[in-house]
Amino acid sequence: MKKIFIGLFVITASFTSCQNSTQTKEKTAQDSSTVATKQDTAFHDEHNTQNSVDWAGTYEGTLPCADCSGIHVILTLNMDGTFEKSEQYLEKGGPFKETGTFTWTPDGGSIILKEKDGESKYKVGEGMMKKLDMEGKEIKGELEEFYNFKKIK
């Protein structure tokens, strides 16, 4: 009878130790994954266009226009969060000039110009900028290339 109890005890102890070992390995794997995710997030939060790219300066591009051959835009972004914008409708009258302020999106990759008629959004990169749609998404399609601006100074 003693041998049966000892045998059951040994079997029970073996199963219990295997489960603890498996749970410990799973917990360690989860902890490692959490640390990797936190480190990855910290890396992305620290490095963005706003703090890693020479974004201040003057950009130039020609936007598509429904009733003319295009709108030539010169946009200057200043370090103090202000902008100057000049728009000239090609083949029509003189340039329209506007000044105002802009803010960065929470991810630090795009700006929002506060204009007299609303807001416009631009994705900023090294030596370039892209006009975005009203939702802050890149414009795709046949005219996609016309929403690109180059940094000229």
N, C-alpha and C. Protein backbone atom coordinates (compact mmCIF):
# COMPACT_ATOMS: atom_id res chain seq x y z
N MET A 1 0.82 -1.18 0.00
CA MET A 1 0.00 0.00 0.00
C MET A 1 0.87 1.25 0.00
N LYS A 2 1.97 1.20 0.80
CA LYS A 2 2.87 2.34 0.85
C LYS A 2 3.47 2.61 -0.52
N LYS A 3 3.77 1.55 -1.26
CA LYS A 3 4.37 1.69 -2.58
C LYS A 3 3.41 2.40 -3.55
N ILE A 4 2.12 2.13 -3.42
CA ILE A 4 1.12 2.77 -4.28
C ILE A 4 1.08 4.27 -4.00
N PHE A 5 1.05 4.64 -2.69
CA PHE A 5 1.01 6.07 -2.34
C PHE A 5 2.29 6.78 -2.81
N ILE A 6 3.41 6.12 -2.64
CA ILE A 6 4.66 6.73 -3.07
C ILE A 6 4.67 6.89 -4.59
N GLY A 7 4.18 5.90 -5.31
CA GLY A 7 4.10 5.95 -6.78
C GLY A 7 3.19 7.09 -7.24
N LEU A 8 2.01 7.21 -6.61
CA LEU A 8 1.08 8.29 -6.96
C LEU A 8 1.71 9.66 -6.65
N PHE A 9 2.40 9.75 -5.55
CA PHE A 9 3.04 11.00 -5.17
C PHE A 9 4.09 11.41 -6.22
N VAL A 10 4.89 10.45 -6.66
CA VAL A 10 5.94 10.72 -7.65
C VAL A 10 5.32 11.16 -8.97
N ILE A 11 4.26 10.50 -9.40
CA ILE A 11 3.59 10.84 -10.66
C ILE A 11 2.98 12.24 -10.57
N THR A 12 2.29 12.52 -9.47
CA THR A 12 1.67 13.84 -9.27
C THR A 12 2.73 14.93 -9.24
N ALA A 13 3.82 14.70 -8.55
CA ALA A 13 4.90 15.69 -8.47
C ALA A 13 5.51 15.94 -9.85
N SER A 14 5.64 14.89 -10.65
CA SER A 14 6.20 15.04 -11.99
C SER A 14 5.32 15.91 -12.87
N PHE A 15 4.00 15.66 -12.87
CA PHE A 15 3.08 16.46 -13.66
C PHE A 15 3.05 17.92 -13.21
N THR A 16 3.07 18.12 -11.92
CA THR A 16 3.04 19.48 -11.38
C THR A 16 4.29 20.24 -11.78
N SER A 17 5.44 19.63 -11.71
CA SER A 17 6.68 20.33 -12.06
C SER A 17 6.73 20.61 -13.56
N CYS A 18 6.19 19.74 -14.40
CA CYS A 18 6.16 19.99 -15.84
C CYS A 18 5.27 21.18 -16.16
N GLN A 19 4.12 21.26 -15.51
CA GLN A 19 3.21 22.38 -15.75
C GLN A 19 3.85 23.69 -15.33
N ASN A 20 4.50 23.72 -14.18
CA ASN A 20 5.14 24.95 -13.71
C ASN A 20 6.24 25.38 -14.68
N SER A 21 7.00 24.40 -15.19
CA SER A 21 8.07 24.70 -16.14
C SER A 21 7.49 25.29 -17.42
N THR A 22 6.40 24.70 -17.91
CA THR A 22 5.75 25.20 -19.13
C THR A 22 5.19 26.59 -18.91
N GLN A 23 4.53 26.80 -17.77
CA GLN A 23 3.96 28.11 -17.47
C GLN A 23 5.06 29.16 -17.34
N THR A 24 6.18 28.76 -16.73
CA THR A 24 7.30 29.69 -16.58
C THR A 24 7.86 30.07 -17.94
N LYS A 25 8.02 29.09 -18.84
CA LYS A 25 8.52 29.37 -20.18
C LYS A 25 7.57 30.29 -20.93
N GLU A 26 6.25 30.04 -20.84
CA GLU A 26 5.26 30.88 -21.51
C GLU A 26 5.30 32.29 -20.96
N LYS A 27 5.39 32.42 -19.64
CA LYS A 27 5.42 33.74 -19.00
C LYS A 27 6.67 34.49 -19.44
N THR A 28 7.82 33.81 -19.48
CA THR A 28 9.06 34.43 -19.91
C THR A 28 8.95 34.89 -21.36
N ALA A 29 8.36 34.07 -22.22
CA ALA A 29 8.18 34.45 -23.63
C ALA A 29 7.28 35.67 -23.75
N GLN A 30 6.19 35.72 -22.96
CA GLN A 30 5.29 36.88 -22.99
C GLN A 30 6.01 38.13 -22.51
N ASP A 31 6.79 38.01 -21.44
CA ASP A 31 7.53 39.16 -20.91
C ASP A 31 8.53 39.67 -21.94
N SER A 32 9.23 38.77 -22.63
CA SER A 32 10.20 39.17 -23.64
C SER A 32 9.49 39.89 -24.79
N SER A 33 8.33 39.38 -25.18
CA SER A 33 7.56 40.01 -26.25
C SER A 33 7.11 41.40 -25.84
N THR A 34 6.68 41.55 -24.61
CA THR A 34 6.25 42.86 -24.12
C THR A 34 7.40 43.84 -24.11
N VAL A 35 8.56 43.42 -23.67
CA VAL A 35 9.73 44.29 -23.64
C VAL A 35 10.10 44.69 -25.06
N ALA A 36 10.11 43.73 -26.00
CA ALA A 36 10.45 44.04 -27.39
C ALA A 36 9.46 45.04 -27.97
N THR A 37 8.18 44.86 -27.68
CA THR A 37 7.16 45.78 -28.18
C THR A 37 7.36 47.16 -27.59
N LYS A 38 7.63 47.24 -26.29
CA LYS A 38 7.83 48.54 -25.66
C LYS A 38 9.07 49.22 -26.24
N GLN A 39 10.15 48.47 -26.46
CA GLN A 39 11.35 49.07 -27.03
C GLN A 39 11.08 49.54 -28.45
N ASP A 40 10.35 48.74 -29.24
CA ASP A 40 10.03 49.10 -30.61
C ASP A 40 9.17 50.36 -30.64
N THR A 41 8.18 50.44 -29.77
CA THR A 41 7.31 51.62 -29.68
C THR A 41 8.11 52.83 -29.26
N ALA A 42 8.98 52.67 -28.30
CA ALA A 42 9.79 53.79 -27.83
C ALA A 42 10.66 54.32 -28.97
N PHE A 43 11.20 53.43 -29.77
CA PHE A 43 12.03 53.85 -30.90
C PHE A 43 11.21 54.69 -31.86
N HIS A 44 10.00 54.23 -32.21
CA HIS A 44 9.18 54.95 -33.16
C HIS A 44 8.68 56.27 -32.58
N ASP A 45 8.39 56.32 -31.30
CA ASP A 45 7.90 57.54 -30.68
C ASP A 45 8.98 58.62 -30.63
N GLU A 46 10.23 58.22 -30.52
CA GLU A 46 11.31 59.17 -30.38
C GLU A 46 11.79 59.73 -31.72
N HIS A 47 11.71 58.96 -32.79
CA HIS A 47 12.23 59.37 -34.08
C HIS A 47 11.09 59.59 -35.05
N ASN A 48 10.89 60.84 -35.43
CA ASN A 48 9.86 61.15 -36.42
C ASN A 48 10.35 62.33 -37.26
N THR A 49 9.56 62.72 -38.23
CA THR A 49 9.96 63.80 -39.12
C THR A 49 10.18 65.09 -38.37
N GLN A 50 9.31 65.37 -37.43
CA GLN A 50 9.40 66.64 -36.70
C GLN A 50 10.75 66.82 -36.01
N ASN A 51 11.29 65.75 -35.42
CA ASN A 51 12.53 65.91 -34.66
C ASN A 51 13.75 65.27 -35.33
N SER A 52 13.59 64.67 -36.51
CA SER A 52 14.73 63.98 -37.12
C SER A 52 15.07 64.48 -38.53
N VAL A 53 14.23 65.34 -39.10
CA VAL A 53 14.42 65.78 -40.48
C VAL A 53 14.56 67.30 -40.51
N ASP A 54 15.35 67.79 -41.43
CA ASP A 54 15.51 69.23 -41.64
C ASP A 54 14.30 69.71 -42.47
N TRP A 55 13.19 69.91 -41.82
CA TRP A 55 11.92 70.20 -42.51
C TRP A 55 11.67 71.68 -42.77
N ALA A 56 12.24 72.57 -41.97
CA ALA A 56 11.99 74.01 -42.15
C ALA A 56 12.59 74.46 -43.48
N GLY A 57 11.84 75.28 -44.22
CA GLY A 57 12.33 75.76 -45.50
C GLY A 57 11.18 76.02 -46.46
N THR A 58 11.52 76.17 -47.73
CA THR A 58 10.54 76.50 -48.76
C THR A 58 10.36 75.32 -49.71
N TYR A 59 9.11 74.99 -49.98
CA TYR A 59 8.73 73.88 -50.84
C TYR A 59 7.94 74.43 -52.02
N GLU A 60 8.05 73.74 -53.16
CA GLU A 60 7.38 74.20 -54.37
C GLU A 60 6.75 73.01 -55.09
N GLY A 61 5.56 73.24 -55.65
CA GLY A 61 4.88 72.22 -56.42
C GLY A 61 3.73 72.82 -57.20
N THR A 62 3.17 72.03 -58.11
CA THR A 62 2.02 72.49 -58.89
C THR A 62 0.90 71.49 -58.71
N LEU A 63 -0.17 71.95 -58.07
CA LEU A 63 -1.34 71.11 -57.80
C LEU A 63 -2.26 71.06 -59.01
N PRO A 64 -3.00 69.96 -59.18
CA PRO A 64 -3.98 69.90 -60.27
C PRO A 64 -5.08 70.94 -60.05
N CYS A 65 -5.70 71.36 -61.14
CA CYS A 65 -6.76 72.37 -61.09
C CYS A 65 -7.87 71.95 -62.05
N ALA A 66 -9.12 72.08 -61.64
CA ALA A 66 -10.25 71.66 -62.47
C ALA A 66 -10.45 72.56 -63.69
N ASP A 67 -10.21 73.85 -63.53
CA ASP A 67 -10.50 74.76 -64.64
C ASP A 67 -9.29 75.56 -65.12
N CYS A 68 -8.09 75.05 -64.84
CA CYS A 68 -6.86 75.67 -65.36
C CYS A 68 -5.81 74.58 -65.47
N SER A 69 -4.61 74.97 -65.93
CA SER A 69 -3.57 73.94 -66.12
C SER A 69 -2.83 73.58 -64.83
N GLY A 70 -3.13 74.26 -63.72
CA GLY A 70 -2.52 73.91 -62.45
C GLY A 70 -2.43 75.10 -61.51
N ILE A 71 -2.12 74.83 -60.26
CA ILE A 71 -1.94 75.87 -59.25
C ILE A 71 -0.51 75.76 -58.74
N HIS A 72 0.31 76.75 -59.08
CA HIS A 72 1.70 76.75 -58.63
C HIS A 72 1.72 77.22 -57.18
N VAL A 73 2.29 76.41 -56.29
CA VAL A 73 2.30 76.71 -54.86
C VAL A 73 3.73 76.80 -54.37
N ILE A 74 4.00 77.85 -53.61
CA ILE A 74 5.27 77.97 -52.89
C ILE A 74 4.89 78.10 -51.42
N LEU A 75 5.39 77.17 -50.61
CA LEU A 75 5.02 77.10 -49.19
C LEU A 75 6.29 77.11 -48.34
N THR A 76 6.39 78.08 -47.44
CA THR A 76 7.53 78.18 -46.54
C THR A 76 7.10 77.81 -45.13
N LEU A 77 7.79 76.85 -44.54
CA LEU A 77 7.54 76.43 -43.15
C LEU A 77 8.65 76.99 -42.28
N ASN A 78 8.28 77.69 -41.23
CA ASN A 78 9.24 78.29 -40.31
C ASN A 78 9.33 77.49 -39.02
N MET A 79 10.49 77.53 -38.38
CA MET A 79 10.72 76.79 -37.14
C MET A 79 9.77 77.18 -36.02
N ASP A 80 9.23 78.39 -36.06
CA ASP A 80 8.34 78.85 -35.00
C ASP A 80 6.88 78.43 -35.19
N GLY A 81 6.62 77.55 -36.17
CA GLY A 81 5.26 77.04 -36.39
C GLY A 81 4.40 77.94 -37.26
N THR A 82 5.03 78.86 -37.99
CA THR A 82 4.28 79.71 -38.91
C THR A 82 4.60 79.30 -40.34
N PHE A 83 3.72 79.72 -41.26
CA PHE A 83 3.95 79.43 -42.68
C PHE A 83 3.59 80.65 -43.52
N GLU A 84 4.14 80.67 -44.72
CA GLU A 84 3.78 81.62 -45.75
C GLU A 84 3.48 80.81 -47.00
N LYS A 85 2.37 81.12 -47.64
CA LYS A 85 1.96 80.34 -48.80
C LYS A 85 1.55 81.28 -49.93
N SER A 86 2.04 80.97 -51.12
CA SER A 86 1.69 81.72 -52.31
C SER A 86 1.12 80.73 -53.33
N GLU A 87 -0.07 81.03 -53.83
CA GLU A 87 -0.71 80.18 -54.84
C GLU A 87 -1.00 81.02 -56.08
N GLN A 88 -0.58 80.52 -57.24
CA GLN A 88 -0.87 81.21 -58.49
C GLN A 88 -1.53 80.23 -59.45
N TYR A 89 -2.76 80.58 -59.83
CA TYR A 89 -3.47 79.78 -60.80
C TYR A 89 -2.86 80.05 -62.16
N LEU A 90 -2.30 79.00 -62.78
CA LEU A 90 -1.63 79.17 -64.07
C LEU A 90 -2.64 79.64 -65.11
N GLU A 91 -2.21 80.55 -65.93
CA GLU A 91 -3.03 81.13 -67.00
C GLU A 91 -4.17 81.99 -66.47
N LYS A 92 -4.14 82.35 -65.18
CA LYS A 92 -5.16 83.21 -64.59
C LYS A 92 -4.49 84.14 -63.60
N GLY A 93 -4.79 85.33 -63.46
CA GLY A 93 -4.39 86.32 -62.47
C GLY A 93 -3.19 86.05 -61.58
N GLY A 94 -2.91 87.07 -60.76
CA GLY A 94 -1.76 87.08 -59.88
C GLY A 94 -1.83 86.10 -58.72
N PRO A 95 -0.75 86.02 -57.96
CA PRO A 95 -0.72 85.06 -56.85
C PRO A 95 -1.56 85.50 -55.65
N PHE A 96 -2.07 84.51 -54.94
CA PHE A 96 -2.78 84.73 -53.68
C PHE A 96 -1.82 84.35 -52.57
N LYS A 97 -1.64 85.25 -51.61
CA LYS A 97 -0.70 84.98 -50.53
C LYS A 97 -1.44 84.87 -49.22
N GLU A 98 -0.91 84.00 -48.37
CA GLU A 98 -1.53 83.76 -47.06
C GLU A 98 -0.44 83.41 -46.06
N THR A 99 -0.66 83.82 -44.83
CA THR A 99 0.23 83.44 -43.74
C THR A 99 -0.62 82.84 -42.63
N GLY A 100 -0.01 82.05 -41.80
CA GLY A 100 -0.73 81.44 -40.70
C GLY A 100 0.17 80.56 -39.88
N THR A 101 -0.45 79.65 -39.15
CA THR A 101 0.31 78.73 -38.29
C THR A 101 0.02 77.29 -38.71
N PHE A 102 0.89 76.40 -38.28
CA PHE A 102 0.68 74.97 -38.51
C PHE A 102 1.01 74.21 -37.25
N THR A 103 0.44 73.02 -37.15
CA THR A 103 0.73 72.11 -36.04
C THR A 103 1.15 70.77 -36.61
N TRP A 104 1.84 70.00 -35.80
CA TRP A 104 2.25 68.65 -36.19
C TRP A 104 1.19 67.66 -35.74
N THR A 105 1.01 66.61 -36.51
CA THR A 105 0.13 65.51 -36.10
C THR A 105 0.79 64.79 -34.93
N PRO A 106 0.03 64.06 -34.12
CA PRO A 106 0.61 63.38 -32.95
C PRO A 106 1.79 62.46 -33.28
N ASP A 107 1.81 61.85 -34.47
CA ASP A 107 2.93 60.97 -34.82
C ASP A 107 4.16 61.74 -35.29
N GLY A 108 4.04 63.06 -35.46
CA GLY A 108 5.18 63.88 -35.87
C GLY A 108 5.59 63.72 -37.31
N GLY A 109 4.72 63.16 -38.16
CA GLY A 109 5.08 62.92 -39.56
C GLY A 109 4.40 63.85 -40.55
N SER A 110 3.37 64.56 -40.11
CA SER A 110 2.62 65.44 -41.00
C SER A 110 2.29 66.74 -40.29
N ILE A 111 1.96 67.75 -41.11
CA ILE A 111 1.58 69.04 -40.56
C ILE A 111 0.16 69.38 -41.00
N ILE A 112 -0.48 70.24 -40.22
CA ILE A 112 -1.81 70.74 -40.54
C ILE A 112 -1.72 72.26 -40.59
N LEU A 113 -1.93 72.83 -41.77
CA LEU A 113 -1.92 74.27 -41.92
C LEU A 113 -3.27 74.82 -41.50
N LYS A 114 -3.26 75.82 -40.65
CA LYS A 114 -4.48 76.53 -40.24
C LYS A 114 -4.64 77.70 -41.20
N GLU A 115 -5.52 77.54 -42.19
CA GLU A 115 -5.72 78.55 -43.21
C GLU A 115 -7.05 79.27 -43.00
N LYS A 116 -7.22 80.39 -43.67
CA LYS A 116 -8.44 81.17 -43.47
C LYS A 116 -9.68 80.41 -43.93
N ASP A 117 -9.55 79.53 -44.92
CA ASP A 117 -10.69 78.77 -45.42
C ASP A 117 -10.77 77.35 -44.86
N GLY A 118 -10.00 77.05 -43.84
CA GLY A 118 -10.01 75.70 -43.26
C GLY A 118 -8.60 75.20 -42.98
N GLU A 119 -8.44 73.92 -43.16
CA GLU A 119 -7.14 73.29 -42.90
C GLU A 119 -6.69 72.51 -44.13
N SER A 120 -5.39 72.38 -44.28
CA SER A 120 -4.83 71.47 -45.29
C SER A 120 -3.71 70.69 -44.62
N LYS A 121 -3.50 69.48 -45.12
CA LYS A 121 -2.54 68.57 -44.48
C LYS A 121 -1.46 68.17 -45.46
N TYR A 122 -0.25 68.06 -44.93
CA TYR A 122 0.90 67.69 -45.74
C TYR A 122 1.76 66.68 -44.98
N LYS A 123 2.21 65.67 -45.67
CA LYS A 123 3.18 64.72 -45.10
C LYS A 123 4.56 65.28 -45.44
N VAL A 124 5.41 65.42 -44.43
CA VAL A 124 6.72 66.03 -44.62
C VAL A 124 7.79 64.95 -44.55
N GLY A 125 8.76 65.05 -45.44
CA GLY A 125 9.88 64.11 -45.46
C GLY A 125 11.17 64.85 -45.75
N GLU A 126 12.24 64.13 -45.92
CA GLU A 126 13.55 64.73 -46.19
C GLU A 126 13.54 65.33 -47.59
N GLY A 127 13.58 66.65 -47.69
CA GLY A 127 13.64 67.34 -48.97
C GLY A 127 12.37 67.29 -49.79
N MET A 128 11.26 66.87 -49.18
CA MET A 128 10.00 66.75 -49.92
C MET A 128 8.80 66.92 -49.01
N MET A 129 7.66 67.06 -49.65
CA MET A 129 6.40 67.17 -48.93
C MET A 129 5.30 66.67 -49.87
N LYS A 130 4.23 66.08 -49.31
CA LYS A 130 3.09 65.61 -50.11
C LYS A 130 1.82 66.19 -49.55
N LYS A 131 0.99 66.76 -50.40
CA LYS A 131 -0.32 67.23 -49.97
C LYS A 131 -1.18 66.00 -49.74
N LEU A 132 -1.90 66.00 -48.62
CA LEU A 132 -2.76 64.88 -48.26
C LEU A 132 -4.23 65.26 -48.45
N ASP A 133 -5.10 64.25 -48.47
CA ASP A 133 -6.54 64.55 -48.56
C ASP A 133 -7.04 65.05 -47.20
N MET A 134 -8.32 65.37 -47.13
CA MET A 134 -8.89 65.96 -45.92
C MET A 134 -8.79 65.03 -44.71
N GLU A 135 -8.71 63.72 -44.93
CA GLU A 135 -8.60 62.74 -43.85
C GLU A 135 -7.16 62.49 -43.45
N GLY A 136 -6.22 63.14 -44.14
CA GLY A 136 -4.80 62.95 -43.83
C GLY A 136 -4.18 61.75 -44.51
N LYS A 137 -4.81 61.27 -45.58
CA LYS A 137 -4.29 60.11 -46.33
C LYS A 137 -3.65 60.58 -47.63
N GLU A 138 -2.67 59.80 -48.09
CA GLU A 138 -2.02 60.13 -49.35
C GLU A 138 -3.00 59.99 -50.50
N ILE A 139 -2.90 60.90 -51.45
CA ILE A 139 -3.78 60.91 -52.62
C ILE A 139 -3.18 59.95 -53.65
N LYS A 140 -3.97 59.02 -54.12
CA LYS A 140 -3.53 58.01 -55.08
C LYS A 140 -4.25 58.21 -56.41
N GLY A 141 -3.70 57.63 -57.46
CA GLY A 141 -4.35 57.67 -58.76
C GLY A 141 -3.48 58.34 -59.81
N GLU A 142 -4.11 58.68 -60.94
CA GLU A 142 -3.40 59.24 -62.08
C GLU A 142 -2.69 60.56 -61.75
N LEU A 143 -3.28 61.36 -60.88
CA LEU A 143 -2.72 62.68 -60.58
C LEU A 143 -1.84 62.69 -59.33
N GLU A 144 -1.52 61.52 -58.81
CA GLU A 144 -0.76 61.39 -57.56
C GLU A 144 0.53 62.20 -57.55
N GLU A 145 1.28 62.18 -58.65
CA GLU A 145 2.57 62.86 -58.70
C GLU A 145 2.44 64.39 -58.59
N PHE A 146 1.27 64.93 -58.91
CA PHE A 146 1.07 66.38 -58.84
C PHE A 146 0.89 66.90 -57.41
N TYR A 147 0.81 66.02 -56.45
CA TYR A 147 0.65 66.41 -55.05
C TYR A 147 1.99 66.41 -54.31
N ASN A 148 3.07 66.19 -55.06
CA ASN A 148 4.42 66.18 -54.48
C ASN A 148 5.06 67.57 -54.57
N PHE A 149 5.73 67.96 -53.52
CA PHE A 149 6.45 69.22 -53.47
C PHE A 149 7.92 68.93 -53.22
N LYS A 150 8.79 69.75 -53.79
CA LYS A 150 10.23 69.62 -53.55
C LYS A 150 10.69 70.80 -52.71
N LYS A 151 11.64 70.52 -51.84
CA LYS A 151 12.24 71.58 -51.03
C LYS A 151 13.22 72.33 -51.92
N ILE A 152 13.04 73.66 -52.00
CA ILE A 152 13.91 74.46 -52.87
C ILE A 152 14.91 75.29 -52.09
N LYS A 153 14.66 75.50 -50.80
CA LYS A 153 15.65 76.18 -49.94
C LYS A 153 15.33 75.97 -48.49
